[in-house]
Protein backbone atom coordinates (compact mmCIF):
# COMPACT_ATOMS: atom_id res chain seq x y z
CA MET A 1 -41.71 -15.07 5.82
CA GLU A 2 -42.54 -17.15 8.92
CA ALA A 3 -44.00 -15.87 12.25
CA ILE A 4 -42.08 -16.50 15.22
CA PRO A 5 -43.80 -17.57 18.41
CA LEU A 6 -42.69 -15.63 21.50
CA THR A 7 -43.86 -15.45 25.17
CA LYS A 8 -44.42 -12.08 26.44
CA GLU A 9 -41.79 -12.33 28.85
CA GLY A 10 -39.52 -13.78 25.73
CA MET A 11 -40.58 -10.55 23.49
CA GLY A 12 -39.69 -8.37 26.61
CA LEU A 13 -36.16 -10.15 27.14
CA LEU A 14 -35.18 -9.93 23.38
CA SER A 15 -36.58 -6.13 23.04
CA ASN A 16 -34.52 -5.44 25.96
CA GLU A 17 -31.20 -6.91 24.88
CA LEU A 18 -31.81 -4.88 21.44
CA ASP A 19 -32.28 -1.86 23.33
CA ASN A 20 -28.96 -2.32 24.93
CA LEU A 21 -27.12 -3.16 22.14
CA LYS A 22 -28.33 -0.03 20.39
CA LYS A 23 -28.25 2.37 23.50
CA ILE A 24 -25.02 1.17 25.22
CA GLU A 25 -23.30 -1.15 23.57
CA ARG A 26 -22.92 0.09 19.81
CA PRO A 27 -22.05 3.82 21.51
CA LYS A 28 -19.38 2.06 23.96
CA VAL A 29 -17.88 0.33 20.82
CA ILE A 30 -17.87 3.33 18.68
CA GLN A 31 -15.81 5.01 21.31
CA GLU A 32 -13.49 2.14 21.85
CA ILE A 33 -12.81 2.50 17.79
CA ALA A 34 -12.25 6.09 18.37
CA ASP A 35 -9.71 5.97 20.94
CA ALA A 36 -8.00 3.12 19.28
CA ARG A 37 -7.65 5.27 15.99
CA ALA A 38 -5.86 8.17 18.38
CA HIS A 39 -3.07 5.81 18.95
CA GLY A 40 -1.71 6.15 15.38
CA ASP A 41 -1.07 3.51 12.66
CA LEU A 42 -4.19 1.34 12.18
CA ARG A 43 -2.02 -1.44 10.60
CA GLU A 44 -0.54 -2.52 13.72
CA ASN A 45 -3.39 -1.33 16.34
CA ALA A 46 -4.54 -4.67 17.89
CA GLU A 47 -7.13 -2.56 20.02
CA TYR A 48 -8.58 -0.74 16.78
CA HIS A 49 -8.85 -4.49 15.28
CA ALA A 50 -10.55 -5.84 18.42
CA ALA A 51 -12.75 -3.04 18.69
CA ARG A 52 -13.91 -3.42 15.04
CA GLU A 53 -14.62 -7.04 15.20
CA LYS A 54 -16.64 -6.21 18.29
CA GLN A 55 -18.66 -3.64 16.16
CA GLY A 56 -19.25 -6.13 13.62
CA MET A 57 -20.54 -9.01 16.13
CA ILE A 58 -22.96 -5.86 17.75
CA GLU A 59 -24.44 -4.92 14.33
CA ALA A 60 -25.09 -8.62 13.31
CA ARG A 61 -26.79 -9.23 16.47
CA ILE A 62 -28.58 -6.06 16.14
CA ALA A 63 -29.79 -7.03 12.70
CA GLU A 64 -30.77 -10.62 13.98
CA LEU A 65 -32.67 -9.29 16.71
CA GLU A 66 -34.44 -6.70 14.53
CA ASP A 67 -35.42 -9.27 11.88
CA LYS A 68 -36.55 -11.78 14.51
CA LEU A 69 -38.75 -9.19 16.25
CA ALA A 70 -40.14 -7.98 12.92
CA ARG A 71 -41.70 -11.39 12.88
CA ALA A 72 -42.52 -12.15 16.39
CA THR A 73 -45.88 -13.03 17.04
CA VAL A 74 -46.58 -13.31 21.02
CA VAL A 75 -48.76 -15.93 22.21
CA ASP A 76 -50.42 -15.69 25.48
CA PHE A 77 -52.70 -18.27 27.08
CA SER A 78 -51.95 -16.86 30.78
CA GLY A 79 -55.78 -16.03 31.15
CA GLN A 80 -57.04 -19.18 29.78
CA ASN A 81 -58.12 -22.72 31.46
CA ALA A 82 -55.00 -25.06 32.45
CA ASP A 83 -56.84 -28.11 30.95
CA GLN A 84 -54.39 -28.82 28.34
CA VAL A 85 -50.68 -28.25 27.24
CA ARG A 86 -50.19 -25.55 24.88
CA PHE A 87 -47.59 -23.06 24.11
CA GLY A 88 -46.37 -20.92 27.05
CA ALA A 89 -47.35 -23.68 29.54
CA PHE A 90 -45.68 -24.52 32.68
CA VAL A 91 -45.88 -28.49 32.66
CA THR A 92 -44.71 -30.72 35.79
CA ILE A 93 -44.15 -34.18 35.00
CA ALA A 94 -43.38 -37.25 37.00
CA ASP A 95 -40.92 -40.07 35.96
CA VAL A 96 -43.32 -43.23 35.96
CA ASP A 97 -40.51 -45.37 37.15
CA SER A 98 -38.74 -43.21 39.97
CA ASP A 99 -41.50 -40.52 40.62
CA GLU A 100 -39.01 -37.86 40.01
CA LYS A 101 -41.02 -34.65 39.06
CA ARG A 102 -39.67 -31.90 36.68
CA THR A 103 -40.96 -28.59 35.29
CA TYR A 104 -40.66 -27.27 32.21
CA ARG A 105 -42.09 -24.26 30.22
CA ILE A 106 -42.88 -24.41 26.49
CA VAL A 107 -41.58 -21.43 24.69
CA GLY A 108 -40.55 -20.38 21.17
CA ASP A 109 -36.84 -21.49 19.40
CA LEU A 110 -35.27 -18.10 20.84
CA GLU A 111 -36.20 -18.34 24.05
CA SER A 112 -35.19 -21.81 24.70
CA ASP A 113 -32.52 -22.56 27.62
CA ILE A 114 -32.60 -25.97 28.87
CA ALA A 115 -30.56 -24.80 32.11
CA ALA A 116 -33.66 -22.74 33.04
CA ARG A 117 -36.29 -25.48 31.68
CA LYS A 118 -37.26 -23.57 28.94
CA VAL A 119 -37.80 -26.05 26.07
CA SER A 120 -38.34 -25.17 22.57
CA LEU A 121 -41.36 -25.60 20.74
CA SER A 122 -40.02 -27.76 18.38
CA SER A 123 -38.28 -30.06 20.59
CA PRO A 124 -39.07 -33.60 21.50
CA VAL A 125 -39.89 -33.18 24.99
CA ALA A 126 -42.51 -30.09 23.96
CA GLN A 127 -43.70 -32.50 21.19
CA ALA A 128 -44.42 -35.19 23.22
CA LEU A 129 -46.57 -32.83 26.01
CA LEU A 130 -48.61 -30.44 23.41
CA GLY A 131 -52.29 -31.32 23.75
CA ARG A 132 -52.06 -33.64 26.74
CA LYS A 133 -53.93 -33.16 29.78
CA ARG A 134 -53.52 -33.50 33.30
CA ASP A 135 -52.84 -37.42 34.35
CA ASP A 136 -51.87 -38.56 30.90
CA ILE A 137 -48.94 -40.66 30.54
CA VAL A 138 -46.41 -39.11 27.68
CA GLU A 139 -43.56 -40.98 26.40
CA ILE A 140 -40.33 -38.80 25.59
CA GLN A 141 -37.40 -40.03 23.85
CA ALA A 142 -34.24 -39.48 25.91
CA PRO A 143 -30.81 -40.40 25.09
CA LYS A 144 -30.77 -43.43 27.09
CA GLY A 145 -34.07 -44.48 25.30
CA ALA A 146 -37.78 -43.99 25.65
CA LYS A 147 -38.98 -42.80 29.26
CA GLU A 148 -42.45 -42.64 30.56
CA PHE A 149 -43.92 -39.70 32.42
CA VAL A 150 -47.11 -38.62 33.89
CA VAL A 151 -48.75 -34.99 33.39
CA VAL A 152 -48.96 -33.62 37.03
CA GLU A 153 -49.77 -30.14 36.61
CA ILE A 154 -50.41 -27.63 34.04
CA ARG A 155 -49.97 -23.92 34.61
CA TYR A 156 -49.97 -20.49 32.84
């Protein structure tokens, strides 16, 4: 079984999601099924079938989260020297051509969210940044071709 790296925050979010599914969503869908059953004939009861489908999705997500959390390893470099890009780092880079700055956080695959600028450890952006130091020039493959960036800041 392969260990799954997570940040401390990511572990908390996934644990909270699992707790919510078990304590709130699961009992709610069980009640929805019971209410739909009370309406009579189950063969033509759309509410019953919708609730059962929802229950299946909740149970599948619970099983997935339990598996992932059982294999998760929290990696925390927060107390470390910010001299090099590692897992969990907030990295600010600047486009060499336009000087436009962007900040990314390098996280585990389960936590990645490009809209929140959280890039997966296995992504091309993270792979290009790992091990780099402040003022290093980094070439990142983008859909429009390779672009060069300079590492401006590293924080944990």
